[in-house]
Amino acid sequence: MSRFSYNVKDAEGNALKGLVEATSTKHATDLLHERGYFIISLRESGEKFFPMDLKRSGISFNDTVNFTRQLSTMITAGLTLVEALGILQQQITKPALLKLVNQLESEVRGGKSFADVISRYPNIFSPVYLSLVRAGEASGKLDQILGRLADNLEKSRDFQGKIRGALIYPVIVISGMVIVTIIVMTVVVPRLTSMYKEFGVSLPLPTQILIAMSNFLRNFWILLFLGFIGLVFAFLKWKETWIGKHMLATISLSVPIFGPLIKEATLVEITRTLAILIDSGVPILSALDIAQNATSNVLYKEAFVAANKKVEKGFSLSEPILENKLFPPILGQMVSVGEQTGKLGDSLFKLSGYFQSEADTAVRSLTTMMEPLIMVVLGLGVGFLVMAVLLPIYSLTSKF
C-alpha cells in the first residue's frame, strides 16, 4: 500500500492538505470522496506503507469472525469502541491479530473513525464490512451493525465448513488413487513387463496400454511436470481475461452436482448482504453497488450493475431481477412484495433463509451423489488394472 498526498476542499470550502494510505490512485480517490472532499490534486508521495495483508499476516477468515463477534458483544454491553479494543488487546494471543488490534486501537484512540481505520486493511475487512461499519457509525447503531455482521460472517463460516466436510472424502480418495497409480506405473508395471518378456507371453490390448502409459510416465515425467505447471500458469492467466471470467462463471453454474450448490450459495450471500445493507439504512443504489462484492461470479456482478442502472433511472428493483434468468422468480416476487410493503430488508432476510435451506439441501445431495460416483470411477480404474495385469498371467498359466 502507498501513501498519496492530496489537496482538497471540504464541504464548507476550506482547503486541506494531507496524506492518505491506499492501494491505488482510484482507491485513494474513493476514500477522499467518502469523506466528502472535493479533490484538487492527488499524487503518490513515494512513501510506502505496508499494513496487514490477510495472506501474509496469517489472519484467517475465522479470526475476523471471532474478532467481530467479540467486539459486537462488548459494544452492546455498553463499552466504548476504544475500551472494547483495549480489552481485546489483553485477550488475544495470536501475534498477527494482536498487532492488528493494537494498530486499530491506537488510531481510533487518536480520533479516527473506525471505518476509516479498517479501510486501510482491504484484504481483511471486505467492502461490505467497511460499508456497514460506516453506516453504523453514521447512524449511531454500530453495536447493532456489528451484531448483524457477526451473524452473517458466522453463517458464512458454517456453510463453508459444510462444503469442506462434504469434499474431504472425495479429496482423500482421489489423492489415494493418484498415489497408488503412480506407484503401480513406476514400480509394479516395469517388473511385470520384464517377467512377461522372459516368458514371451503375447500381451492383450489392456496390458499394452498399461505398459505404454508406464513407459511414458517413467521416461517423460519431467515433460509432464513442466507441462502441468505450464497449463496451470496459462489457466491462471486466462481466467483473469474477460472471456475466461465469463466462461468459468457460465460453466460453474451449469456443471452437474456442483452448479446448483454454487448458485444457491451465491444467492444466499447476495440476499443476506443486501438485506443487512438496506436494513442498516444504506441507500439502495449504494447497497446494490456494494452487494455485488459478495460474489466472485462475474455474471451476477454484471446483473447487479444492470439492476443498479435501472433503479437509478427510476425503475423498481424487482423489474430487472424478474427480467434476468440468473435469478429465480421467487427472488423478484419477494423483492416486489418488499418494495410495496416498505419492508424490503425483511423480505430479503426471509429470502436468504430460504436460499440457505436450499443450499444445505444441495450440500447433502452433493455428499450423497459423490460417494457412489467415486466408487464407480475407482471400480473402473481398479478393474482396468486387474484385467491388464491378470490377463497375461492367465495366458501364461494356460500354456502349462
Protein backbone atom coordinates (compact mmCIF):
# COMPACT_ATOMS: atom_id res chain seq x y z
CA MET A 1 0.00 0.00 0.00
CA SER A 2 1.22 3.51 -0.84
CA ARG A 3 0.74 6.97 0.57
CA PHE A 4 -0.85 9.70 -1.53
CA SER A 5 -0.55 13.42 -0.85
CA TYR A 6 -3.68 15.42 -1.58
CA ASN A 7 -5.05 18.95 -1.89
CA VAL A 8 -8.79 19.02 -1.30
CA LYS A 9 -11.66 21.22 -0.23
CA ASP A 10 -14.20 20.12 2.36
CA ALA A 11 -17.95 20.69 2.25
CA GLU A 12 -17.52 24.22 3.64
CA GLY A 13 -14.93 25.19 1.03
CA ASN A 14 -11.89 25.01 3.32
CA ALA A 15 -8.63 23.97 1.63
CA LEU A 16 -6.98 20.92 3.21
CA LYS A 17 -3.73 19.07 2.62
CA GLY A 18 -2.61 15.69 3.90
CA LEU A 19 -1.70 12.07 3.24
CA VAL A 20 -3.92 9.07 2.67
CA GLU A 21 -2.91 5.40 2.54
CA ALA A 22 -4.42 3.42 -0.34
CA THR A 23 -3.71 0.51 -2.67
CA SER A 24 -4.08 2.64 -5.83
CA THR A 25 -4.96 6.12 -7.05
CA LYS A 26 -8.58 5.02 -7.57
CA HIS A 27 -8.73 3.64 -4.04
CA ALA A 28 -7.32 6.92 -2.67
CA THR A 29 -9.88 8.89 -4.70
CA ASP A 30 -12.72 6.75 -3.36
CA LEU A 31 -11.53 7.23 0.24
CA LEU A 32 -11.40 11.02 -0.15
CA HIS A 33 -14.82 11.13 -1.80
CA GLU A 34 -16.25 9.07 1.07
CA ARG A 35 -15.01 11.75 3.45
CA GLY A 36 -16.90 14.37 1.45
CA TYR A 37 -13.82 16.06 -0.03
CA PHE A 38 -13.56 17.74 -3.44
CA ILE A 39 -10.18 16.70 -4.87
CA ILE A 40 -7.96 19.44 -6.32
CA SER A 41 -4.81 17.33 -6.74
CA LEU A 42 -3.75 13.83 -5.79
CA ARG A 43 -0.36 12.19 -6.34
CA GLU A 44 1.64 9.32 -4.92
CA SER A 45 4.10 10.60 -2.35
CA GLY A 46 6.61 7.82 -2.90
CA GLU A 47 6.39 6.63 0.71
CA LYS A 48 5.32 3.02 1.02
CA PHE A 49 3.02 1.82 3.73
CA PHE A 50 2.66 -1.87 4.47
CA PRO A 51 -0.42 -2.68 6.54
CA MET A 52 -1.56 -6.13 7.43
CA ASP A 53 -2.16 -8.37 4.48
CA LEU A 54 -4.52 -11.28 5.08
CA LYS A 55 -2.40 -13.85 3.27
CA ARG A 56 0.95 -12.71 4.61
CA SER A 57 -0.14 -11.83 8.15
CA GLY A 58 -1.70 -15.18 8.99
CA ILE A 59 -5.06 -13.60 9.91
CA SER A 60 -7.70 -16.06 8.77
CA PHE A 61 -11.36 -15.57 7.99
CA ASN A 62 -12.12 -17.34 11.25
CA ASP A 63 -10.06 -14.72 13.13
CA THR A 64 -12.10 -11.94 11.52
CA VAL A 65 -15.35 -13.68 12.51
CA ASN A 66 -14.27 -14.09 16.14
CA PHE A 67 -12.95 -10.52 16.32
CA THR A 68 -16.26 -9.13 15.03
CA ARG A 69 -18.34 -11.21 17.48
CA GLN A 70 -16.23 -10.23 20.49
CA LEU A 71 -16.25 -6.56 19.53
CA SER A 72 -20.01 -6.64 18.98
CA THR A 73 -20.64 -8.28 22.36
CA MET A 74 -18.59 -5.71 24.29
CA ILE A 75 -20.04 -2.66 22.50
CA THR A 76 -23.58 -3.99 23.02
CA ALA A 77 -22.73 -4.32 26.73
CA GLY A 78 -22.08 -0.56 26.85
CA LEU A 79 -18.33 -0.30 26.39
CA THR A 80 -16.88 2.31 24.07
CA LEU A 81 -15.04 1.19 20.95
CA VAL A 82 -11.67 2.17 22.45
CA GLU A 83 -12.43 0.25 25.66
CA ALA A 84 -13.53 -2.82 23.71
CA LEU A 85 -10.38 -2.80 21.58
CA GLY A 86 -8.32 -2.35 24.73
CA ILE A 87 -9.86 -5.44 26.31
CA LEU A 88 -9.28 -7.42 23.13
CA GLN A 89 -5.60 -6.48 23.33
CA GLN A 90 -5.42 -8.28 26.67
CA GLN A 91 -7.31 -11.37 25.50
CA ILE A 92 -5.78 -12.06 22.07
CA THR A 93 -2.77 -14.38 21.96
CA LYS A 94 -2.25 -14.71 18.20
CA PRO A 95 0.63 -12.31 17.33
CA ALA A 96 -0.66 -11.22 13.91
CA LEU A 97 -4.17 -10.49 15.18
CA LEU A 98 -2.81 -8.75 18.29
CA LYS A 99 -0.68 -6.48 16.09
CA LEU A 100 -3.74 -5.58 14.03
CA VAL A 101 -5.87 -4.81 17.12
CA ASN A 102 -3.04 -2.69 18.56
CA GLN A 103 -2.97 -0.62 15.37
CA LEU A 104 -6.77 -0.28 15.32
CA GLU A 105 -6.91 0.78 18.97
CA SER A 106 -4.09 3.31 18.57
CA GLU A 107 -5.68 5.05 15.58
CA VAL A 108 -9.23 5.03 16.98
CA ARG A 109 -7.90 6.48 20.24
CA GLY A 110 -6.18 9.16 18.11
CA GLY A 111 -9.54 10.36 16.83
CA LYS A 112 -10.02 8.47 13.57
CA SER A 113 -13.31 6.78 12.81
CA PHE A 114 -13.37 3.00 12.95
CA ALA A 115 -14.45 2.83 9.28
CA ASP A 116 -11.50 4.98 8.14
CA VAL A 117 -9.10 2.81 10.12
CA ILE A 118 -10.29 -0.55 8.81
CA SER A 119 -10.40 0.82 5.24
CA ARG A 120 -6.59 0.50 5.31
CA TYR A 121 -6.93 -3.29 5.50
CA PRO A 122 -8.99 -4.26 2.43
CA ASN A 123 -7.67 -7.83 2.46
CA ILE A 124 -9.03 -8.38 5.97
CA PHE A 125 -12.18 -6.25 6.01
CA SER A 126 -14.27 -6.55 2.85
CA PRO A 127 -16.06 -3.63 1.13
CA VAL A 128 -19.32 -4.92 2.59
CA TYR A 129 -17.82 -4.95 6.09
CA LEU A 130 -16.45 -1.41 5.64
CA SER A 131 -19.73 -0.02 4.29
CA LEU A 132 -21.75 -1.50 7.14
CA VAL A 133 -19.37 -0.14 9.78
CA ARG A 134 -19.51 3.29 8.15
CA ALA A 135 -23.31 3.15 8.12
CA GLY A 136 -23.33 2.03 11.77
CA GLU A 137 -21.11 4.92 12.85
CA ALA A 138 -23.20 7.43 10.89
CA SER A 139 -26.47 6.19 12.41
CA GLY A 140 -25.14 5.60 15.93
CA LYS A 141 -26.05 1.91 15.70
CA LEU A 142 -22.59 0.41 15.47
CA ASP A 143 -23.45 -2.23 18.09
CA GLN A 144 -26.41 -3.50 16.05
CA ILE A 145 -24.45 -3.42 12.80
CA LEU A 146 -21.55 -5.37 14.27
CA GLY A 147 -24.00 -7.91 15.67
CA ARG A 148 -25.54 -8.45 12.22
CA LEU A 149 -22.10 -8.59 10.67
CA ALA A 150 -21.02 -11.23 13.17
CA ASP A 151 -24.17 -13.27 12.47
CA ASN A 152 -23.57 -13.04 8.73
CA LEU A 153 -19.90 -14.00 9.00
CA GLU A 154 -20.68 -16.92 11.30
CA LYS A 155 -23.30 -18.26 8.89
CA SER A 156 -20.81 -17.97 6.03
CA ARG A 157 -18.19 -19.79 8.09
CA ASP A 158 -20.62 -22.59 8.99
CA PHE A 159 -21.65 -23.03 5.36
CA GLN A 160 -18.03 -23.13 4.18
CA GLY A 161 -17.38 -25.76 6.85
CA LYS A 162 -20.23 -27.90 5.48
CA ILE A 163 -18.81 -27.69 1.96
CA ARG A 164 -15.30 -28.57 3.15
CA GLY A 165 -16.73 -31.50 5.10
CA ALA A 166 -18.53 -32.75 2.01
CA LEU A 167 -15.35 -32.57 -0.08
CA ILE A 168 -12.95 -34.20 2.41
CA TYR A 169 -13.93 -37.76 1.48
CA PRO A 170 -13.59 -37.39 -2.32
CA VAL A 171 -10.32 -35.45 -1.96
CA ILE A 172 -8.80 -38.19 0.21
CA VAL A 173 -9.97 -40.95 -2.14
CA ILE A 174 -8.77 -39.17 -5.28
CA SER A 175 -5.40 -38.37 -3.67
CA GLY A 176 -5.03 -42.03 -2.73
CA MET A 177 -5.90 -43.10 -6.28
CA VAL A 178 -3.27 -40.80 -7.74
CA ILE A 179 -0.55 -42.04 -5.34
CA VAL A 180 -1.40 -45.71 -5.95
CA THR A 181 -1.47 -45.17 -9.71
CA ILE A 182 1.97 -43.55 -9.69
CA ILE A 183 3.40 -46.43 -7.61
CA VAL A 184 1.86 -49.05 -9.88
CA MET A 185 3.07 -47.30 -13.04
CA THR A 186 6.64 -46.71 -11.85
CA VAL A 187 7.32 -49.81 -9.72
CA VAL A 188 4.90 -52.68 -10.35
CA VAL A 189 4.34 -52.49 -14.11
CA PRO A 190 8.08 -52.39 -15.09
CA ARG A 191 8.70 -55.62 -13.10
CA LEU A 192 5.71 -57.32 -14.67
CA THR A 193 6.86 -56.19 -18.12
CA SER A 194 10.28 -57.79 -17.66
CA MET A 195 8.60 -61.01 -16.48
CA TYR A 196 6.30 -61.11 -19.50
CA LYS A 197 9.26 -60.63 -21.84
CA GLU A 198 11.15 -63.52 -20.26
CA PHE A 199 8.26 -65.92 -20.85
CA GLY A 200 7.41 -64.47 -24.26
CA VAL A 201 3.74 -64.01 -23.42
CA SER A 202 1.56 -62.31 -26.04
CA LEU A 203 0.14 -59.22 -24.41
CA PRO A 204 -3.54 -58.26 -24.70
CA LEU A 205 -4.54 -54.71 -25.57
CA PRO A 206 -5.23 -53.53 -21.94
CA THR A 207 -1.76 -54.68 -20.88
CA GLN A 208 -0.13 -52.98 -23.88
CA ILE A 209 -1.91 -49.75 -22.99
CA LEU A 210 -0.82 -50.05 -19.34
CA ILE A 211 2.82 -50.67 -20.31
CA ALA A 212 2.81 -47.75 -22.77
CA MET A 213 1.44 -45.45 -20.08
CA SER A 214 4.05 -46.69 -17.62
CA ASN A 215 6.92 -46.15 -20.08
CA PHE A 216 5.70 -42.68 -20.95
CA LEU A 217 5.37 -41.72 -17.29
CA ARG A 218 8.85 -43.02 -16.37
CA ASN A 219 10.64 -41.58 -19.41
CA PHE A 220 8.88 -38.24 -19.76
CA TRP A 221 7.86 -37.35 -16.21
CA ILE A 222 9.84 -34.11 -16.37
CA LEU A 223 7.96 -33.02 -19.50
CA LEU A 224 4.67 -34.00 -17.85
CA PHE A 225 5.54 -31.98 -14.76
CA LEU A 226 6.62 -28.92 -16.76
CA GLY A 227 3.56 -29.24 -18.97
CA PHE A 228 1.32 -29.37 -15.91
CA ILE A 229 2.97 -26.26 -14.46
CA GLY A 230 2.60 -24.50 -17.81
CA LEU A 231 -1.08 -25.41 -18.06
CA VAL A 232 -1.73 -24.13 -14.54
CA PHE A 233 0.08 -20.86 -15.28
CA ALA A 234 -1.79 -20.44 -18.59
CA PHE A 235 -5.10 -21.19 -16.89
CA LEU A 236 -4.47 -18.62 -14.15
CA LYS A 237 -3.71 -16.00 -16.80
CA TRP A 238 -6.68 -16.98 -18.94
CA LYS A 239 -9.20 -16.91 -16.10
CA GLU A 240 -8.36 -13.23 -15.49
CA THR A 241 -9.39 -12.29 -19.04
CA TRP A 242 -12.93 -11.19 -19.93
CA ILE A 243 -13.60 -14.39 -21.88
CA GLY A 244 -12.10 -16.55 -19.14
CA LYS A 245 -14.17 -14.98 -16.38
CA HIS A 246 -17.41 -15.35 -18.32
CA MET A 247 -16.72 -18.92 -19.46
CA LEU A 248 -15.78 -20.06 -15.96
CA ALA A 249 -18.83 -18.33 -14.46
CA THR A 250 -21.13 -19.99 -17.02
CA ILE A 251 -19.54 -23.43 -16.60
CA SER A 252 -19.59 -23.24 -12.80
CA LEU A 253 -23.34 -22.65 -12.81
CA SER A 254 -24.03 -25.34 -15.41
CA VAL A 255 -21.87 -28.24 -14.21
CA PRO A 256 -23.91 -31.11 -12.71
CA ILE A 257 -23.92 -31.60 -8.92
CA PHE A 258 -21.80 -28.51 -8.20
CA GLY A 259 -23.78 -26.00 -10.31
CA PRO A 260 -26.93 -25.87 -8.14
CA LEU A 261 -24.81 -25.64 -4.99
CA ILE A 262 -22.78 -22.70 -6.35
CA LYS A 263 -25.95 -20.91 -7.45
CA GLU A 264 -27.72 -21.34 -4.12
CA ALA A 265 -24.61 -20.31 -2.16
CA THR A 266 -24.27 -17.18 -4.31
CA LEU A 267 -27.92 -16.25 -3.79
CA VAL A 268 -27.53 -16.73 -0.03
CA GLU A 269 -24.59 -14.32 0.18
CA ILE A 270 -26.17 -11.74 -2.14
CA THR A 271 -29.58 -11.61 -0.46
CA ARG A 272 -28.17 -11.67 3.07
CA THR A 273 -25.66 -8.91 2.31
CA LEU A 274 -28.26 -6.77 0.53
CA ALA A 275 -30.70 -7.27 3.41
CA ILE A 276 -28.18 -6.11 6.02
CA LEU A 277 -27.20 -3.09 3.93
CA ILE A 278 -30.76 -1.94 3.29
CA ASP A 279 -31.88 -2.65 6.85
CA SER A 280 -28.92 -0.60 8.09
CA GLY A 281 -30.03 2.48 6.17
CA VAL A 282 -27.61 2.27 3.24
CA PRO A 283 -29.24 3.82 0.11
CA ILE A 284 -30.46 1.25 -2.41
CA LEU A 285 -28.03 2.32 -5.16
CA SER A 286 -25.05 2.13 -2.81
CA ALA A 287 -26.32 -1.19 -1.44
CA LEU A 288 -26.52 -2.69 -4.95
CA ASP A 289 -23.05 -1.41 -5.74
CA ILE A 290 -21.63 -2.95 -2.56
CA ALA A 291 -23.60 -6.22 -2.66
CA GLN A 292 -22.00 -7.27 -5.94
CA ASN A 293 -18.76 -7.74 -3.97
CA ALA A 294 -20.46 -10.58 -2.07
CA THR A 295 -19.82 -12.87 -5.05
CA SER A 296 -16.89 -13.54 -7.35
CA ASN A 297 -19.16 -14.74 -10.18
CA VAL A 298 -18.88 -12.14 -12.95
CA LEU A 299 -22.38 -12.93 -14.30
CA TYR A 300 -24.00 -11.97 -11.01
CA LYS A 301 -21.78 -8.90 -10.74
CA GLU A 302 -22.96 -7.74 -14.17
CA ALA A 303 -26.56 -8.48 -13.21
CA PHE A 304 -26.22 -6.15 -10.22
CA VAL A 305 -24.61 -3.45 -12.36
CA ALA A 306 -27.54 -3.66 -14.80
CA ALA A 307 -30.04 -3.57 -11.92
CA ASN A 308 -28.27 -0.55 -10.44
CA LYS A 309 -28.56 1.34 -13.73
CA LYS A 310 -32.27 0.59 -14.00
CA VAL A 311 -33.01 1.59 -10.41
CA GLU A 312 -31.04 4.79 -10.99
CA LYS A 313 -33.42 5.58 -13.88
CA GLY A 314 -36.45 5.18 -11.62
CA PHE A 315 -37.38 1.53 -12.10
CA SER A 316 -38.20 -0.67 -9.13
CA LEU A 317 -35.55 -3.22 -8.11
CA SER A 318 -37.91 -6.13 -8.77
CA GLU A 319 -38.13 -5.35 -12.52
CA PRO A 320 -34.50 -6.05 -13.54
CA ILE A 321 -34.41 -9.04 -11.17
CA LEU A 322 -37.52 -10.58 -12.75
CA GLU A 323 -36.11 -9.97 -16.24
CA ASN A 324 -32.79 -11.71 -15.51
CA LYS A 325 -32.84 -15.51 -15.81
CA LEU A 326 -29.94 -15.81 -13.37
CA PHE A 327 -32.35 -15.03 -10.54
CA PRO A 328 -35.18 -17.43 -9.65
CA PRO A 329 -38.72 -15.99 -9.95
CA ILE A 330 -39.24 -16.12 -6.19
CA LEU A 331 -36.47 -13.54 -5.71
CA GLY A 332 -38.15 -10.97 -7.96
CA GLN A 333 -41.57 -11.70 -6.46
CA MET A 334 -40.41 -11.30 -2.86
CA VAL A 335 -38.47 -8.13 -3.71
CA SER A 336 -41.64 -6.73 -5.30
CA VAL A 337 -43.63 -7.54 -2.15
CA GLY A 338 -40.95 -5.93 -0.01
CA GLU A 339 -40.96 -2.77 -2.10
CA GLN A 340 -44.76 -2.49 -1.97
CA THR A 341 -44.93 -3.01 1.79
CA GLY A 342 -41.85 -0.92 2.60
CA LYS A 343 -40.15 -3.94 4.20
CA LEU A 344 -37.58 -4.84 1.58
CA GLY A 345 -34.99 -5.70 4.22
CA ASP A 346 -37.31 -8.20 5.92
CA SER A 347 -38.21 -9.79 2.58
CA LEU A 348 -34.55 -10.23 1.71
CA PHE A 349 -33.78 -11.74 5.11
CA LYS A 350 -36.55 -14.30 4.59
CA LEU A 351 -35.22 -15.00 1.10
CA SER A 352 -31.71 -15.57 2.42
CA GLY A 353 -33.13 -18.10 4.89
CA TYR A 354 -34.97 -19.85 2.06
CA PHE A 355 -31.86 -19.99 -0.14
CA GLN A 356 -29.81 -21.17 2.86
CA SER A 357 -32.10 -24.18 3.30
CA GLU A 358 -31.84 -24.87 -0.44
CA ALA A 359 -28.05 -24.64 -0.23
CA ASP A 360 -27.99 -27.06 2.71
CA THR A 361 -30.06 -29.49 0.65
CA ALA A 362 -27.61 -29.07 -2.24
CA VAL A 363 -24.70 -29.90 0.09
CA ARG A 364 -26.45 -33.06 1.27
CA SER A 365 -27.16 -34.01 -2.34
CA LEU A 366 -23.50 -33.41 -3.19
CA THR A 367 -22.39 -35.74 -0.40
CA THR A 368 -24.93 -38.39 -1.39
CA MET A 369 -24.05 -38.34 -5.10
CA MET A 370 -20.27 -38.03 -4.79
CA GLU A 371 -19.75 -41.30 -2.87
CA PRO A 372 -21.28 -43.67 -5.47
CA LEU A 373 -19.73 -41.67 -8.31
CA ILE A 374 -16.26 -42.04 -6.78
CA MET A 375 -16.85 -45.73 -6.17
CA VAL A 376 -17.77 -46.21 -9.85
CA VAL A 377 -14.65 -44.37 -11.04
CA LEU A 378 -12.50 -46.26 -8.52
CA GLY A 379 -14.03 -49.56 -9.60
CA LEU A 380 -13.36 -48.87 -13.27
CA GLY A 381 -9.75 -47.93 -12.54
CA VAL A 382 -9.10 -50.96 -10.37
CA GLY A 383 -10.88 -53.21 -12.87
CA PHE A 384 -8.68 -51.98 -15.70
CA LEU A 385 -5.51 -52.54 -13.65
CA VAL A 386 -6.57 -56.05 -12.58
CA MET A 387 -7.53 -57.00 -16.12
CA ALA A 388 -4.28 -55.62 -17.59
CA VAL A 389 -2.17 -57.46 -15.02
CA LEU A 390 -4.02 -60.80 -14.81
CA LEU A 391 -4.81 -61.45 -18.48
CA PRO A 392 -1.15 -62.16 -19.44
CA ILE A 393 -0.73 -64.32 -16.32
CA TYR A 394 -3.83 -66.28 -17.32
CA SER A 395 -2.38 -66.75 -20.82
CA LEU A 396 0.90 -67.90 -19.29
CA THR A 397 -0.70 -70.48 -16.99
CA SER A 398 -2.87 -71.83 -19.81
CA LYS A 399 0.30 -72.85 -21.70
CA PHE A 400 1.36 -75.25 -18.95
